[in-house]
Amino acid sequence: MPNEDVEINKTLDVLKKGGIILYPTDTVWGIGCDATNADAIDKIFQLKKRHESKSMICLVSDFKMLQQYVEEVPEVAYDILKYANKPTTIIYDRPLRVAENIIAEDNTLGIRVARDPFCGKLIRKFKRPIVSTSANISGMPTPKNFKEITQPILEGVDYVVNLHSYNKGTKPSSIIKIGSDSTVKIIRK
């Protein structure tokens, strides 16, 4: 049985060096990196063969960290997250302190407060948001578990977190866009 603390330390080492990781999230297995490192984000775009105009999301550990990376978190976001019964990504206006190439053309960024214990601990220790995008080549189906992840993805990352049976979720998160005027739009249920 892999040791979670050992895995966190190995993963932190890769993230700090600008590497990309394959890791279990509160939804599906994800490809991730330091959300403040533009070069690492570029590596993910290349690995996924994803056009840079398609934005990715990032994960934060808690509301306090969320507030550090968004100019203003609308009050309604706290209510949505507090009562959400599944992982929920919210697209916020005017993100701060992240790499430019993760921000969408309309100056928004999808951010999810990770509910998963492994992700939460990893992000808290890293002290920065981590990119999270599905572990597939762009346009291909999202893997529902570790066994479905293709060889090019497994070989293309710098580190695969050794918690292969760990993933509980099989579906991507809900996505909600909240404007600075507090308008709410459901993008994906």
N, C-alpha and C. Protein backbone atom coordinates (compact mmCIF):
# COMPACT_ATOMS: atom_id res chain seq x y z
N MET A 1 0.85 -1.19 0.00
CA MET A 1 0.00 0.00 0.00
C MET A 1 0.89 1.25 0.00
N PRO A 2 0.73 2.11 -1.00
CA PRO A 2 1.56 3.33 -1.04
C PRO A 2 1.26 4.26 0.14
N ASN A 3 2.27 4.94 0.58
CA ASN A 3 2.13 5.88 1.69
C ASN A 3 1.77 7.27 1.13
N GLU A 4 0.63 7.81 1.58
CA GLU A 4 0.16 9.09 1.06
C GLU A 4 1.15 10.22 1.30
N ASP A 5 1.77 10.27 2.48
CA ASP A 5 2.73 11.34 2.78
C ASP A 5 3.96 11.26 1.87
N VAL A 6 4.43 10.03 1.60
CA VAL A 6 5.56 9.84 0.69
C VAL A 6 5.18 10.34 -0.70
N GLU A 7 3.97 10.00 -1.14
CA GLU A 7 3.49 10.43 -2.46
C GLU A 7 3.37 11.95 -2.53
N ILE A 8 2.90 12.57 -1.48
CA ILE A 8 2.78 14.03 -1.46
C ILE A 8 4.17 14.65 -1.59
N ASN A 9 5.15 14.15 -0.86
CA ASN A 9 6.49 14.71 -0.92
C ASN A 9 7.12 14.55 -2.30
N LYS A 10 6.95 13.38 -2.92
CA LYS A 10 7.48 13.16 -4.28
C LYS A 10 6.79 14.10 -5.27
N THR A 11 5.49 14.24 -5.13
CA THR A 11 4.71 15.10 -6.03
C THR A 11 5.12 16.56 -5.86
N LEU A 12 5.30 17.00 -4.62
CA LEU A 12 5.72 18.38 -4.36
C LEU A 12 7.07 18.67 -5.02
N ASP A 13 7.97 17.71 -4.95
CA ASP A 13 9.29 17.88 -5.54
C ASP A 13 9.17 18.13 -7.05
N VAL A 14 8.32 17.37 -7.73
CA VAL A 14 8.12 17.53 -9.17
C VAL A 14 7.47 18.88 -9.48
N LEU A 15 6.44 19.24 -8.71
CA LEU A 15 5.74 20.52 -8.94
C LEU A 15 6.70 21.71 -8.76
N LYS A 16 7.53 21.66 -7.73
CA LYS A 16 8.46 22.76 -7.45
C LYS A 16 9.50 22.92 -8.55
N LYS A 17 9.80 21.83 -9.27
CA LYS A 17 10.78 21.88 -10.36
C LYS A 17 10.13 22.21 -11.71
N GLY A 18 8.82 22.52 -11.69
CA GLY A 18 8.14 22.88 -12.94
C GLY A 18 7.67 21.69 -13.75
N GLY A 19 7.58 20.52 -13.10
CA GLY A 19 7.13 19.32 -13.81
C GLY A 19 5.62 19.20 -13.85
N ILE A 20 5.15 18.21 -14.63
CA ILE A 20 3.72 17.94 -14.69
C ILE A 20 3.45 16.56 -14.09
N ILE A 21 2.29 16.45 -13.44
CA ILE A 21 1.95 15.24 -12.69
C ILE A 21 0.64 14.64 -13.20
N LEU A 22 0.46 13.37 -12.93
CA LEU A 22 -0.80 12.67 -13.14
C LEU A 22 -1.26 12.29 -11.74
N TYR A 23 -2.45 12.77 -11.34
CA TYR A 23 -2.84 12.59 -9.94
C TYR A 23 -4.35 12.41 -9.78
N PRO A 24 -4.77 11.74 -8.68
CA PRO A 24 -6.19 11.57 -8.42
C PRO A 24 -6.76 12.86 -7.85
N THR A 25 -7.93 13.26 -8.34
CA THR A 25 -8.60 14.45 -7.81
C THR A 25 -9.93 14.02 -7.20
N ASP A 26 -10.73 14.99 -6.80
CA ASP A 26 -12.05 14.68 -6.25
C ASP A 26 -13.05 14.32 -7.35
N THR A 27 -12.60 14.35 -8.60
CA THR A 27 -13.47 13.93 -9.72
C THR A 27 -12.77 12.80 -10.46
N VAL A 28 -12.07 13.10 -11.53
CA VAL A 28 -11.37 12.10 -12.34
C VAL A 28 -9.86 12.26 -12.15
N TRP A 29 -9.08 11.31 -12.69
CA TRP A 29 -7.63 11.48 -12.66
C TRP A 29 -7.29 12.71 -13.50
N GLY A 30 -6.36 13.53 -13.01
CA GLY A 30 -6.03 14.75 -13.72
C GLY A 30 -4.56 14.88 -14.01
N ILE A 31 -4.29 15.73 -15.00
CA ILE A 31 -2.92 16.15 -15.28
C ILE A 31 -2.79 17.51 -14.62
N GLY A 32 -1.71 17.73 -13.90
CA GLY A 32 -1.58 18.98 -13.17
C GLY A 32 -0.17 19.52 -13.17
N CYS A 33 -0.09 20.77 -12.73
CA CYS A 33 1.19 21.45 -12.55
C CYS A 33 0.92 22.70 -11.71
N ASP A 34 1.97 23.43 -11.44
CA ASP A 34 1.88 24.70 -10.73
C ASP A 34 1.10 25.69 -11.61
N ALA A 35 -0.01 26.19 -11.12
CA ALA A 35 -0.86 27.11 -11.89
C ALA A 35 -0.23 28.49 -12.07
N THR A 36 0.93 28.71 -11.43
CA THR A 36 1.62 30.00 -11.59
C THR A 36 2.81 29.86 -12.54
N ASN A 37 3.03 28.67 -13.10
CA ASN A 37 4.20 28.40 -13.94
C ASN A 37 3.76 28.23 -15.40
N ALA A 38 3.95 29.27 -16.21
CA ALA A 38 3.52 29.25 -17.61
C ALA A 38 4.18 28.15 -18.43
N ASP A 39 5.46 27.87 -18.18
CA ASP A 39 6.16 26.82 -18.94
C ASP A 39 5.57 25.44 -18.64
N ALA A 40 5.25 25.19 -17.39
CA ALA A 40 4.64 23.90 -17.01
C ALA A 40 3.26 23.77 -17.65
N ILE A 41 2.51 24.85 -17.68
CA ILE A 41 1.17 24.83 -18.30
C ILE A 41 1.31 24.56 -19.80
N ASP A 42 2.30 25.15 -20.44
CA ASP A 42 2.55 24.88 -21.87
C ASP A 42 2.82 23.40 -22.11
N LYS A 43 3.55 22.75 -21.19
CA LYS A 43 3.82 21.32 -21.33
C LYS A 43 2.52 20.52 -21.34
N ILE A 44 1.55 20.93 -20.52
CA ILE A 44 0.26 20.23 -20.49
C ILE A 44 -0.49 20.44 -21.80
N PHE A 45 -0.51 21.68 -22.31
CA PHE A 45 -1.16 21.93 -23.60
C PHE A 45 -0.56 21.04 -24.69
N GLN A 46 0.77 20.92 -24.70
CA GLN A 46 1.44 20.09 -25.70
C GLN A 46 1.11 18.61 -25.52
N LEU A 47 1.15 18.12 -24.29
CA LEU A 47 0.86 16.72 -24.02
C LEU A 47 -0.57 16.36 -24.43
N LYS A 48 -1.52 17.24 -24.11
CA LYS A 48 -2.92 16.97 -24.43
C LYS A 48 -3.27 17.28 -25.89
N LYS A 49 -2.30 17.90 -26.60
CA LYS A 49 -2.57 18.38 -27.98
C LYS A 49 -3.80 19.28 -27.97
N ARG A 50 -3.83 20.13 -26.98
CA ARG A 50 -4.99 20.99 -26.74
C ARG A 50 -4.67 22.40 -27.21
N HIS A 51 -5.60 23.02 -27.90
CA HIS A 51 -5.40 24.39 -28.37
C HIS A 51 -5.38 25.33 -27.16
N GLU A 52 -4.48 26.28 -27.16
CA GLU A 52 -4.31 27.17 -26.01
C GLU A 52 -5.52 28.05 -25.73
N SER A 53 -6.44 28.16 -26.71
CA SER A 53 -7.63 28.98 -26.46
C SER A 53 -8.63 28.22 -25.57
N LYS A 54 -8.44 26.90 -25.42
CA LYS A 54 -9.30 26.11 -24.52
C LYS A 54 -8.68 26.17 -23.13
N SER A 55 -9.33 26.86 -22.23
CA SER A 55 -8.73 27.05 -20.91
C SER A 55 -8.83 25.79 -20.05
N MET A 56 -8.03 25.76 -19.02
CA MET A 56 -8.04 24.67 -18.05
C MET A 56 -8.46 25.27 -16.71
N ILE A 57 -8.68 24.42 -15.73
CA ILE A 57 -9.05 24.91 -14.41
C ILE A 57 -7.90 24.69 -13.44
N CYS A 58 -8.05 25.24 -12.25
CA CYS A 58 -7.08 24.93 -11.20
C CYS A 58 -7.82 24.63 -9.90
N LEU A 59 -7.10 23.97 -9.02
CA LEU A 59 -7.64 23.59 -7.72
C LEU A 59 -6.95 24.40 -6.63
N VAL A 60 -7.73 24.81 -5.63
CA VAL A 60 -7.20 25.47 -4.44
C VAL A 60 -7.62 24.63 -3.23
N SER A 61 -6.98 24.87 -2.10
CA SER A 61 -7.24 24.04 -0.92
C SER A 61 -8.44 24.49 -0.10
N ASP A 62 -8.75 25.78 -0.13
CA ASP A 62 -9.83 26.29 0.72
C ASP A 62 -10.25 27.69 0.28
N PHE A 63 -11.25 28.26 0.97
CA PHE A 63 -11.75 29.59 0.61
C PHE A 63 -10.67 30.67 0.76
N LYS A 64 -9.82 30.52 1.77
CA LYS A 64 -8.76 31.51 1.98
C LYS A 64 -7.83 31.57 0.76
N MET A 65 -7.44 30.42 0.24
CA MET A 65 -6.58 30.38 -0.94
C MET A 65 -7.35 30.91 -2.16
N LEU A 66 -8.61 30.55 -2.28
CA LEU A 66 -9.44 31.04 -3.39
C LEU A 66 -9.40 32.57 -3.44
N GLN A 67 -9.54 33.21 -2.30
CA GLN A 67 -9.55 34.67 -2.23
C GLN A 67 -8.23 35.30 -2.68
N GLN A 68 -7.14 34.55 -2.59
CA GLN A 68 -5.83 35.07 -3.00
C GLN A 68 -5.66 35.07 -4.52
N TYR A 69 -6.51 34.30 -5.23
CA TYR A 69 -6.32 34.15 -6.68
C TYR A 69 -7.48 34.67 -7.52
N VAL A 70 -8.42 35.36 -6.89
CA VAL A 70 -9.53 36.00 -7.59
C VAL A 70 -9.66 37.41 -7.03
N GLU A 71 -9.80 38.39 -7.94
CA GLU A 71 -9.90 39.78 -7.48
C GLU A 71 -11.04 39.97 -6.48
N GLU A 72 -12.21 39.41 -6.81
CA GLU A 72 -13.33 39.48 -5.88
C GLU A 72 -14.20 38.25 -6.04
N VAL A 73 -14.34 37.48 -4.95
CA VAL A 73 -15.19 36.29 -4.98
C VAL A 73 -16.61 36.75 -4.64
N PRO A 74 -17.55 36.61 -5.59
CA PRO A 74 -18.93 37.03 -5.30
C PRO A 74 -19.51 36.21 -4.14
N GLU A 75 -20.29 36.84 -3.30
CA GLU A 75 -20.87 36.21 -2.12
C GLU A 75 -21.64 34.92 -2.48
N VAL A 76 -22.33 34.95 -3.62
CA VAL A 76 -23.13 33.79 -4.04
C VAL A 76 -22.25 32.55 -4.25
N ALA A 77 -20.98 32.73 -4.57
CA ALA A 77 -20.08 31.59 -4.76
C ALA A 77 -19.94 30.78 -3.48
N TYR A 78 -19.85 31.46 -2.34
CA TYR A 78 -19.71 30.75 -1.07
C TYR A 78 -20.95 29.90 -0.79
N ASP A 79 -22.13 30.44 -1.09
CA ASP A 79 -23.37 29.69 -0.88
C ASP A 79 -23.42 28.47 -1.79
N ILE A 80 -23.07 28.65 -3.06
CA ILE A 80 -23.08 27.53 -4.00
C ILE A 80 -22.13 26.43 -3.53
N LEU A 81 -20.91 26.81 -3.14
CA LEU A 81 -19.93 25.82 -2.72
C LEU A 81 -20.31 25.15 -1.40
N LYS A 82 -20.90 25.91 -0.51
CA LYS A 82 -21.29 25.38 0.79
C LYS A 82 -22.36 24.29 0.65
N TYR A 83 -23.29 24.49 -0.30
CA TYR A 83 -24.41 23.56 -0.43
C TYR A 83 -24.28 22.57 -1.58
N ALA A 84 -23.21 22.66 -2.35
CA ALA A 84 -23.02 21.74 -3.48
C ALA A 84 -22.88 20.32 -2.96
N ASN A 85 -23.57 19.38 -3.60
CA ASN A 85 -23.47 17.99 -3.15
C ASN A 85 -22.51 17.18 -4.01
N LYS A 86 -21.80 17.84 -4.92
CA LYS A 86 -20.77 17.19 -5.71
C LYS A 86 -19.69 18.22 -6.03
N PRO A 87 -18.50 17.77 -6.46
CA PRO A 87 -17.44 18.74 -6.77
C PRO A 87 -17.93 19.78 -7.79
N THR A 88 -17.69 21.04 -7.48
CA THR A 88 -18.19 22.14 -8.30
C THR A 88 -17.07 23.13 -8.62
N THR A 89 -16.87 23.35 -9.91
CA THR A 89 -15.90 24.33 -10.39
C THR A 89 -16.67 25.60 -10.70
N ILE A 90 -16.15 26.72 -10.22
CA ILE A 90 -16.79 28.01 -10.52
C ILE A 90 -15.83 28.82 -11.37
N ILE A 91 -16.37 29.41 -12.43
CA ILE A 91 -15.59 30.29 -13.29
C ILE A 91 -15.74 31.71 -12.76
N TYR A 92 -14.62 32.30 -12.39
CA TYR A 92 -14.60 33.63 -11.78
C TYR A 92 -14.02 34.66 -12.76
N ASP A 93 -14.51 35.89 -12.65
CA ASP A 93 -13.93 37.02 -13.38
C ASP A 93 -12.65 37.45 -12.67
N ARG A 94 -11.73 37.99 -13.45
CA ARG A 94 -10.51 38.64 -12.97
C ARG A 94 -9.66 37.81 -11.99
N PRO A 95 -9.11 36.69 -12.48
CA PRO A 95 -8.19 35.92 -11.64
C PRO A 95 -6.89 36.69 -11.41
N LEU A 96 -6.20 36.36 -10.33
CA LEU A 96 -4.95 37.02 -9.95
C LEU A 96 -3.85 35.99 -9.71
N ARG A 97 -2.59 36.42 -9.90
CA ARG A 97 -1.41 35.66 -9.46
C ARG A 97 -1.27 34.27 -10.05
N VAL A 98 -1.89 34.01 -11.21
CA VAL A 98 -1.69 32.74 -11.91
C VAL A 98 -1.04 33.04 -13.25
N ALA A 99 -0.53 32.03 -13.90
CA ALA A 99 0.12 32.23 -15.20
C ALA A 99 -0.93 32.72 -16.22
N GLU A 100 -0.50 33.62 -17.09
CA GLU A 100 -1.40 34.19 -18.12
C GLU A 100 -2.03 33.13 -19.00
N ASN A 101 -1.28 32.06 -19.32
CA ASN A 101 -1.77 31.07 -20.27
C ASN A 101 -2.81 30.10 -19.69
N ILE A 102 -3.17 30.27 -18.44
CA ILE A 102 -4.28 29.48 -17.89
C ILE A 102 -5.56 30.31 -17.85
N ILE A 103 -5.43 31.61 -18.04
CA ILE A 103 -6.58 32.51 -18.00
C ILE A 103 -7.26 32.55 -19.36
N ALA A 104 -8.59 32.42 -19.38
CA ALA A 104 -9.35 32.44 -20.63
C ALA A 104 -9.29 33.84 -21.25
N GLU A 105 -9.60 33.90 -22.56
CA GLU A 105 -9.55 35.18 -23.28
C GLU A 105 -10.45 36.24 -22.67
N ASP A 106 -11.54 35.83 -22.01
CA ASP A 106 -12.46 36.82 -21.41
C ASP A 106 -12.06 37.16 -19.96
N ASN A 107 -10.78 36.88 -19.61
CA ASN A 107 -10.23 37.18 -18.28
C ASN A 107 -10.99 36.47 -17.16
N THR A 108 -11.27 35.17 -17.39
CA THR A 108 -11.90 34.34 -16.37
C THR A 108 -11.04 33.10 -16.13
N LEU A 109 -11.32 32.42 -15.02
CA LEU A 109 -10.62 31.19 -14.69
C LEU A 109 -11.55 30.31 -13.86
N GLY A 110 -11.62 29.03 -14.23
CA GLY A 110 -12.36 28.06 -13.44
C GLY A 110 -11.51 27.57 -12.29
N ILE A 111 -12.06 27.66 -11.08
CA ILE A 111 -11.34 27.24 -9.88
C ILE A 111 -12.27 26.35 -9.05
N ARG A 112 -11.70 25.24 -8.55
CA ARG A 112 -12.47 24.36 -7.68
C ARG A 112 -11.75 24.25 -6.34
N VAL A 113 -12.51 24.36 -5.26
CA VAL A 113 -11.97 24.11 -3.93
C VAL A 113 -11.99 22.59 -3.78
N ALA A 114 -10.80 21.99 -3.72
CA ALA A 114 -10.69 20.53 -3.67
C ALA A 114 -11.25 19.99 -2.37
N ARG A 115 -12.15 19.03 -2.48
CA ARG A 115 -12.71 18.37 -1.30
C ARG A 115 -11.98 17.07 -0.99
N ASP A 116 -11.16 16.63 -1.91
CA ASP A 116 -10.45 15.38 -1.76
C ASP A 116 -9.31 15.53 -0.76
N PRO A 117 -9.17 14.62 0.22
CA PRO A 117 -8.12 14.75 1.24
C PRO A 117 -6.70 14.81 0.65
N PHE A 118 -6.39 13.95 -0.32
CA PHE A 118 -5.05 13.96 -0.92
C PHE A 118 -4.78 15.30 -1.60
N CYS A 119 -5.70 15.75 -2.45
CA CYS A 119 -5.52 17.03 -3.17
C CYS A 119 -5.41 18.19 -2.19
N GLY A 120 -6.29 18.21 -1.21
CA GLY A 120 -6.27 19.31 -0.24
C GLY A 120 -4.93 19.41 0.47
N LYS A 121 -4.42 18.26 0.91
CA LYS A 121 -3.14 18.23 1.63
C LYS A 121 -1.99 18.64 0.70
N LEU A 122 -2.02 18.13 -0.55
CA LEU A 122 -0.99 18.47 -1.52
C LEU A 122 -0.96 19.98 -1.79
N ILE A 123 -2.11 20.56 -2.03
CA ILE A 123 -2.20 21.99 -2.35
C ILE A 123 -1.81 22.84 -1.14
N ARG A 124 -2.27 22.44 0.05
CA ARG A 124 -1.89 23.19 1.26
C ARG A 124 -0.37 23.21 1.44
N LYS A 125 0.28 22.06 1.23
CA LYS A 125 1.73 22.01 1.39
C LYS A 125 2.46 22.76 0.27
N PHE A 126 1.88 22.74 -0.94
CA PHE A 126 2.49 23.43 -2.08
C PHE A 126 2.31 24.95 -1.97
N LYS A 127 1.23 25.36 -1.31
CA LYS A 127 0.92 26.78 -1.06
C LYS A 127 0.61 27.57 -2.33
N ARG A 128 0.22 26.85 -3.40
CA ARG A 128 -0.18 27.48 -4.66
C ARG A 128 -1.26 26.62 -5.32
N PRO A 129 -2.07 27.20 -6.20
CA PRO A 129 -3.05 26.38 -6.91
C PRO A 129 -2.37 25.42 -7.88
N ILE A 130 -3.05 24.32 -8.15
CA ILE A 130 -2.55 23.31 -9.07
C ILE A 130 -3.53 23.17 -10.23
N VAL A 131 -3.00 23.15 -11.45
CA VAL A 131 -3.82 22.94 -12.63
C VAL A 131 -4.47 21.56 -12.53
N SER A 132 -5.70 21.46 -13.02
CA SER A 132 -6.37 20.17 -13.10
C SER A 132 -7.10 20.10 -14.43
N THR A 133 -6.69 19.15 -15.25
CA THR A 133 -7.35 18.90 -16.53
C THR A 133 -7.41 17.39 -16.72
N SER A 134 -8.43 16.92 -17.38
CA SER A 134 -8.61 15.47 -17.51
C SER A 134 -7.40 14.81 -18.18
N ALA A 135 -7.16 13.56 -17.79
CA ALA A 135 -5.97 12.82 -18.22
C ALA A 135 -6.19 12.14 -19.57
N ASN A 136 -6.42 12.96 -20.59
CA ASN A 136 -6.64 12.43 -21.93
C ASN A 136 -6.10 13.40 -22.98
N ILE A 137 -5.91 12.88 -24.20
CA ILE A 137 -5.58 13.74 -25.32
C ILE A 137 -6.86 14.49 -25.67
N SER A 138 -6.75 15.76 -25.99
CA SER A 138 -7.92 16.59 -26.29
C SER A 138 -8.80 15.93 -27.35
N GLY A 139 -10.10 15.89 -27.06
CA GLY A 139 -11.05 15.29 -28.00
C GLY A 139 -11.33 13.82 -27.74
N MET A 140 -10.49 13.17 -26.95
CA MET A 140 -10.69 11.75 -26.62
C MET A 140 -11.54 11.67 -25.34
N PRO A 141 -12.15 10.49 -25.08
CA PRO A 141 -12.98 10.36 -23.88
C PRO A 141 -12.16 10.54 -22.59
N THR A 142 -12.82 11.10 -21.59
CA THR A 142 -12.19 11.27 -20.27
C THR A 142 -12.11 9.90 -19.59
N PRO A 143 -10.91 9.48 -19.15
CA PRO A 143 -10.80 8.19 -18.46
C PRO A 143 -11.61 8.19 -17.16
N LYS A 144 -12.36 7.11 -16.94
CA LYS A 144 -13.18 7.01 -15.73
C LYS A 144 -12.39 6.48 -14.54
N ASN A 145 -11.25 5.84 -14.82
CA ASN A 145 -10.40 5.34 -13.74
C ASN A 145 -8.96 5.26 -14.26
N PHE A 146 -8.04 4.91 -13.39
CA PHE A 146 -6.62 4.91 -13.75
C PHE A 146 -6.32 3.96 -14.92
N LYS A 147 -6.97 2.81 -14.95
CA LYS A 147 -6.70 1.80 -16.00
C LYS A 147 -7.02 2.31 -17.41
N GLU A 148 -7.90 3.30 -17.52
CA GLU A 148 -8.30 3.82 -18.84
C GLU A 148 -7.36 4.91 -19.37
N ILE A 149 -6.39 5.32 -18.58
CA ILE A 149 -5.46 6.37 -19.02
C ILE A 149 -4.51 5.78 -20.06
N THR A 150 -4.36 6.47 -21.18
CA THR A 150 -3.57 5.95 -22.30
C THR A 150 -2.07 6.10 -22.07
N GLN A 151 -1.31 5.28 -22.77
CA GLN A 151 0.16 5.26 -22.66
C GLN A 151 0.80 6.62 -22.95
N PRO A 152 0.37 7.36 -24.01
CA PRO A 152 1.00 8.67 -24.25
C PRO A 152 0.88 9.63 -23.06
N ILE A 153 -0.22 9.56 -22.34
CA ILE A 153 -0.39 10.41 -21.15
C ILE A 153 0.53 9.91 -20.03
N LEU A 154 0.50 8.60 -19.77
CA LEU A 154 1.34 8.03 -18.71
C LEU A 154 2.82 8.33 -18.94
N GLU A 155 3.25 8.27 -20.19
CA GLU A 155 4.66 8.51 -20.51
C GLU A 155 4.99 9.99 -20.64
N GLY A 156 3.98 10.82 -20.83
CA GLY A 156 4.21 12.25 -21.08
C GLY A 156 4.32 13.11 -19.84
N VAL A 157 3.93 12.57 -18.69
CA VAL A 157 4.03 13.35 -17.45
C VAL A 157 5.36 13.07 -16.77
N ASP A 158 5.75 13.96 -15.87
CA ASP A 158 7.01 13.78 -15.14
C ASP A 158 6.87 12.86 -13.93
N TYR A 159 5.64 12.74 -13.41
CA TYR A 159 5.43 11.87 -12.26
C TYR A 159 3.98 11.39 -12.22
N VAL A 160 3.80 10.10 -11.97
CA VAL A 160 2.48 9.51 -11.78
C VAL A 160 2.33 9.21 -10.29
N VAL A 161 1.36 9.85 -9.65
CA VAL A 161 1.13 9.61 -8.23
C VAL A 161 0.75 8.14 -8.05
N ASN A 162 1.43 7.48 -7.14
CA ASN A 162 1.26 6.04 -6.94
C ASN A 162 0.10 5.74 -5.99
N LEU A 163 -1.08 6.19 -6.39
CA LEU A 163 -2.31 5.89 -5.65
C LEU A 163 -3.36 5.46 -6.67
N HIS A 164 -3.02 4.47 -7.49
CA HIS A 164 -3.83 4.07 -8.64
C HIS A 164 -5.25 3.66 -8.31
N SER A 165 -5.46 3.05 -7.16
CA SER A 165 -6.81 2.60 -6.81
C SER A 165 -7.56 3.66 -6.01
N TYR A 166 -6.93 4.79 -5.82
CA TYR A 166 -7.43 5.82 -4.93
C TYR A 166 -8.66 6.55 -5.45
N ASN A 167 -8.76 6.76 -6.75
CA ASN A 167 -9.80 7.62 -7.29
C ASN A 167 -11.20 7.08 -7.04
N LYS A 168 -12.04 7.92 -6.43
CA LYS A 168 -13.41 7.52 -6.14
C LYS A 168 -14.37 8.10 -7.17
N GLY A 169 -14.08 9.29 -7.66
CA GLY A 169 -14.98 9.94 -8.61
C GLY A 169 -14.79 9.41 -10.01
N THR A 170 -15.84 9.46 -10.79
CA THR A 170 -15.73 9.01 -12.18
C THR A 170 -16.26 10.05 -13.15
N LYS A 171 -16.74 11.17 -12.62
CA LYS A 171 -17.33 12.19 -13.48
C LYS A 171 -16.63 13.53 -13.24
N PRO A 172 -16.56 14.35 -14.31
CA PRO A 172 -16.03 15.70 -14.13
C PRO A 172 -16.94 16.51 -13.21
N SER A 173 -16.44 17.61 -12.72
CA SER A 173 -17.21 18.46 -11.81
C SER A 173 -18.32 19.20 -12.54
N SER A 174 -19.27 19.71 -11.76
CA SER A 174 -20.23 20.68 -12.28
C SER A 174 -19.43 21.95 -12.56
N ILE A 175 -19.87 22.73 -13.54
CA ILE A 175 -19.19 24.00 -13.82
C ILE A 175 -20.24 25.10 -13.83
N ILE A 176 -20.00 26.12 -13.04
CA ILE A 176 -20.90 27.27 -12.92
C ILE A 176 -20.09 28.53 -13.15
N LYS A 177 -20.63 29.44 -13.95
CA LYS A 177 -19.95 30.72 -14.18
C LYS A 177 -20.68 31.79 -13.37
N ILE A 178 -19.91 32.54 -12.59
CA ILE A 178 -20.48 33.63 -11.80
C ILE A 178 -19.82 34.92 -12.24
N GLY A 179 -20.63 35.84 -12.74
CA GLY A 179 -20.10 37.14 -13.15
C GLY A 179 -19.84 38.03 -11.95
N SER A 180 -19.07 39.10 -12.16
CA SER A 180 -18.80 40.01 -11.05
C SER A 180 -20.08 40.70 -10.57
N ASP A 181 -21.13 40.66 -11.42
CA ASP A 181 -22.42 41.22 -11.00
C ASP A 181 -23.28 40.15 -10.32
N SER A 182 -22.67 39.00 -9.98
CA SER A 182 -23.31 37.86 -9.31
C SER A 182 -24.31 37.10 -10.17
N THR A 183 -24.31 37.30 -11.48
CA THR A 183 -25.16 36.47 -12.34
C THR A 183 -24.58 35.06 -12.37
N VAL A 184 -25.46 34.07 -12.33
CA VAL A 184 -25.05 32.68 -12.26
C VAL A 184 -25.51 31.96 -13.52
N LYS A 185 -24.58 31.26 -14.17
CA LYS A 185 -24.91 30.49 -15.37
C LYS A 185 -24.35 29.08 -15.22
N ILE A 186 -25.18 28.06 -15.37
CA ILE A 186 -24.71 26.67 -15.27
C ILE A 186 -24.15 26.27 -16.63
N ILE A 187 -22.87 25.88 -16.65
CA ILE A 187 -22.19 25.47 -17.86
C ILE A 187 -22.29 23.94 -18.02
N ARG A 188 -22.04 23.20 -16.95
CA ARG A 188 -22.15 21.73 -16.97
C ARG A 188 -22.70 21.27 -15.63
N LYS A 189 -23.80 20.48 -15.68
CA LYS A 189 -24.41 19.98 -14.43
C LYS A 189 -23.62 18.84 -13.85
